Amino acid sequence: METLNVRESNPNQDVQFSDERNSYLFHIFTFGGFTLMDIEMNGEYIIHGLKVAPNVNLLPKWRTNGGNFQFKCINGEYPYYKEFNKSQTLVYYTDAELAEMAITEAENQ
């Protein structure tokens, strides 16, 4: 798991992340009290106007290539810029980490 640098107290910002396969640019913005996001992968827009939900993958499965991103939020609160890096963080998980999380979740049900 890698934590991305999302600045608190900034409702509109860009966050970059690169791994050995891809480069990502997240355009994070706030509208109507919700956090929304446009996502670029390798210079191509792949998602426009995504309403960000807590603790779910941001990329569709067919766009993943080694991992995925989530806003980890305490108590399932929706991401909101005033809570970035306090109770909410943007993280990258490898496919192996996501698979392990799915197994753990299944075992706990």
C-alpha atoms as a PDB file:
ATOM      1  CA  MET A   1       0.000   0.000   0.000  1.00  0.00           C
ATOM      2  CA  GLU A   2       1.251   3.450  -0.886  1.00  0.00           C
ATOM      3  CA  THR A   3      -0.313   6.655   0.406  1.00  0.00           C
ATOM      4  CA  LEU A   4      -0.602   9.489  -2.094  1.00  0.00           C
ATOM      5  CA  ASN A   5       0.013  13.086  -1.080  1.00  0.00           C
ATOM      6  CA  VAL A   6      -3.411  14.749  -1.029  1.00  0.00           C
ATOM      7  CA  ARG A   7      -3.370  18.186   0.557  1.00  0.00           C
ATOM      8  CA  GLU A   8      -5.940  18.950   3.223  1.00  0.00           C
ATOM      9  CA  SER A   9      -7.743  22.294   3.047  1.00  0.00           C
ATOM     10  CA  ASN A  10      -7.503  22.325  -0.749  1.00  0.00           C
ATOM     11  CA  PRO A  11     -10.832  21.533  -2.489  1.00  0.00           C
ATOM     12  CA  ASN A  12      -9.311  21.549  -6.006  1.00  0.00           C
ATOM     13  CA  GLN A  13      -5.978  19.885  -6.676  1.00  0.00           C
ATOM     14  CA  ASP A  14      -4.005  17.522  -8.879  1.00  0.00           C
ATOM     15  CA  VAL A  15      -2.245  14.448  -7.515  1.00  0.00           C
ATOM     16  CA  GLN A  16       0.234  12.378  -9.520  1.00  0.00           C
ATOM     17  CA  PHE A  17       1.265   8.756  -9.073  1.00  0.00           C
ATOM     18  CA  SER A  18       3.486   6.484 -11.146  1.00  0.00           C
ATOM     19  CA  ASP A  19       4.358   2.832 -10.847  1.00  0.00           C
ATOM     20  CA  GLU A  20       6.522   0.688 -13.108  1.00  0.00           C
ATOM     21  CA  ARG A  21       3.691   0.347 -15.656  1.00  0.00           C
ATOM     22  CA  ASN A  22       1.590   3.505 -15.646  1.00  0.00           C
ATOM     23  CA  SER A  23       1.436   7.180 -14.777  1.00  0.00           C
ATOM     24  CA  TYR A  24      -1.749   8.573 -13.238  1.00  0.00           C
ATOM     25  CA  LEU A  25      -2.992  12.111 -12.743  1.00  0.00           C
ATOM     26  CA  PHE A  26      -5.982  12.672 -10.469  1.00  0.00           C
ATOM     27  CA  HIS A  27      -7.847  15.972 -10.857  1.00  0.00           C
ATOM     28  CA  ILE A  28      -9.699  16.246  -7.536  1.00  0.00           C
ATOM     29  CA  PHE A  29     -12.404  18.851  -7.145  1.00  0.00           C
ATOM     30  CA  THR A  30     -15.323  19.630  -4.867  1.00  0.00           C
ATOM     31  CA  PHE A  31     -18.867  20.396  -6.003  1.00  0.00           C
ATOM     32  CA  GLY A  32     -22.019  20.505  -3.905  1.00  0.00           C
ATOM     33  CA  GLY A  33     -20.200  19.136  -0.872  1.00  0.00           C
ATOM     34  CA  PHE A  34     -18.965  16.048  -2.723  1.00  0.00           C
ATOM     35  CA  THR A  35     -15.511  15.105  -3.936  1.00  0.00           C
ATOM     36  CA  LEU A  36     -15.316  14.410  -7.640  1.00  0.00           C
ATOM     37  CA  MET A  37     -12.426  13.277  -9.758  1.00  0.00           C
ATOM     38  CA  ASP A  38     -11.176  13.098 -13.326  1.00  0.00           C
ATOM     39  CA  ILE A  39      -8.481  10.488 -13.863  1.00  0.00           C
ATOM     40  CA  GLU A  40      -5.783  10.400 -16.526  1.00  0.00           C
ATOM     41  CA  MET A  41      -3.738   7.290 -17.186  1.00  0.00           C
ATOM     42  CA  ASN A  42      -0.616   7.648 -19.346  1.00  0.00           C
ATOM     43  CA  GLY A  43      -1.845  11.024 -20.588  1.00  0.00           C
ATOM     44  CA  GLU A  44      -5.320   9.776 -21.605  1.00  0.00           C
ATOM     45  CA  TYR A  45      -8.479  10.734 -19.732  1.00  0.00           C
ATOM     46  CA  ILE A  46     -10.128   7.497 -18.644  1.00  0.00           C
ATOM     47  CA  ILE A  47     -12.689   8.810 -16.126  1.00  0.00           C
ATOM     48  CA  HIS A  48     -14.578  12.116 -16.025  1.00  0.00           C
ATOM     49  CA  GLY A  49     -16.612  13.442 -13.106  1.00  0.00           C
ATOM     50  CA  LEU A  50     -16.402  10.392 -10.842  1.00  0.00           C
ATOM     51  CA  LYS A  51     -18.249  10.967  -7.559  1.00  0.00           C
ATOM     52  CA  VAL A  52     -15.762   9.477  -5.123  1.00  0.00           C
ATOM     53  CA  ALA A  53     -17.148   6.947  -2.638  1.00  0.00           C
ATOM     54  CA  PRO A  54     -15.361   5.709   0.477  1.00  0.00           C
ATOM     55  CA  ASN A  55     -13.326   2.502   0.518  1.00  0.00           C
ATOM     56  CA  VAL A  56     -14.056   1.364  -3.052  1.00  0.00           C
ATOM     57  CA  ASN A  57     -11.800   0.993  -6.087  1.00  0.00           C
ATOM     58  CA  LEU A  58     -11.582   4.100  -8.253  1.00  0.00           C
ATOM     59  CA  LEU A  59     -10.583   2.396 -11.505  1.00  0.00           C
ATOM     60  CA  PRO A  60     -12.853  -0.024 -13.341  1.00  0.00           C
ATOM     61  CA  LYS A  61     -11.451  -3.564 -13.488  1.00  0.00           C
ATOM     62  CA  TRP A  62     -10.772  -3.370 -17.221  1.00  0.00           C
ATOM     63  CA  ARG A  63      -8.521  -0.319 -16.632  1.00  0.00           C
ATOM     64  CA  THR A  64      -6.381  -1.816 -13.885  1.00  0.00           C
ATOM     65  CA  ASN A  65      -2.892  -2.996 -14.623  1.00  0.00           C
ATOM     66  CA  GLY A  66      -1.210  -4.081 -11.436  1.00  0.00           C
ATOM     67  CA  GLY A  67      -3.279  -2.269  -8.803  1.00  0.00           C
ATOM     68  CA  ASN A  68      -6.033   0.162  -7.919  1.00  0.00           C
ATOM     69  CA  PHE A  69      -6.738   3.250  -5.822  1.00  0.00           C
ATOM     70  CA  GLN A  70      -9.155   3.901  -2.963  1.00  0.00           C
ATOM     71  CA  PHE A  71     -10.009   6.728  -0.613  1.00  0.00           C
ATOM     72  CA  LYS A  72      -9.725   5.055   2.776  1.00  0.00           C
ATOM     73  CA  CYS A  73     -12.218   6.769   5.062  1.00  0.00           C
ATOM     74  CA  ILE A  74     -12.845   6.184   8.747  1.00  0.00           C
ATOM     75  CA  ASN A  75     -16.458   5.256   9.523  1.00  0.00           C
ATOM     76  CA  GLY A  76     -17.362   5.134   5.826  1.00  0.00           C
ATOM     77  CA  GLU A  77     -17.652   8.907   5.493  1.00  0.00           C
ATOM     78  CA  TYR A  78     -17.564  10.244   1.950  1.00  0.00           C
ATOM     79  CA  PRO A  79     -14.239  11.860   1.031  1.00  0.00           C
ATOM     80  CA  TYR A  80     -14.188  15.587   1.720  1.00  0.00           C
ATOM     81  CA  TYR A  81     -11.160  17.835   1.354  1.00  0.00           C
ATOM     82  CA  LYS A  82     -11.270  19.150   4.932  1.00  0.00           C
ATOM     83  CA  GLU A  83     -10.630  15.585   6.158  1.00  0.00           C
ATOM     84  CA  PHE A  84      -7.832  14.663   3.710  1.00  0.00           C
ATOM     85  CA  ASN A  85      -4.840  13.232   5.600  1.00  0.00           C
ATOM     86  CA  LYS A  86      -6.784  13.338   8.846  1.00  0.00           C
ATOM     87  CA  SER A  87      -9.444  10.631   8.654  1.00  0.00           C
ATOM     88  CA  GLN A  88      -9.230  10.117   4.867  1.00  0.00           C
ATOM     89  CA  THR A  89      -6.314   9.103   2.651  1.00  0.00           C
ATOM     90  CA  LEU A  90      -5.891   8.273  -1.021  1.00  0.00           C
ATOM     91  CA  VAL A  91      -4.026   4.978  -1.316  1.00  0.00           C
ATOM     92  CA  TYR A  92      -2.716   2.650  -4.022  1.00  0.00           C
ATOM     93  CA  TYR A  93      -2.971  -1.119  -3.557  1.00  0.00           C
ATOM     94  CA  THR A  94      -1.222  -3.692  -5.703  1.00  0.00           C
ATOM     95  CA  ASP A  95      -3.315  -6.513  -7.146  1.00  0.00           C
ATOM     96  CA  ALA A  96      -1.785  -8.862  -4.567  1.00  0.00           C
ATOM     97  CA  GLU A  97      -2.835  -6.574  -1.711  1.00  0.00           C
ATOM     98  CA  LEU A  98      -6.362  -6.265  -3.127  1.00  0.00           C
ATOM     99  CA  ALA A  99      -6.626 -10.058  -3.435  1.00  0.00           C
ATOM    100  CA  GLU A 100      -5.493 -10.511   0.165  1.00  0.00           C
ATOM    101  CA  MET A 101      -8.036  -7.930   1.343  1.00  0.00           C
ATOM    102  CA  ALA A 102     -10.807  -9.766  -0.538  1.00  0.00           C
ATOM    103  CA  ILE A 103      -9.845 -13.086   1.059  1.00  0.00           C
ATOM    104  CA  THR A 104      -9.763 -11.531   4.527  1.00  0.00           C
ATOM    105  CA  GLU A 105     -13.162  -9.896   3.950  1.00  0.00           C
ATOM    106  CA  ALA A 106     -14.660 -13.197   2.744  1.00  0.00           C
ATOM    107  CA  GLU A 107     -13.303 -15.026   5.785  1.00  0.00           C
ATOM    108  CA  ASN A 108     -14.854 -12.442   8.102  1.00  0.00           C
ATOM    109  CA  GLN A 109     -18.346 -12.830   6.665  1.00  0.00           C
END
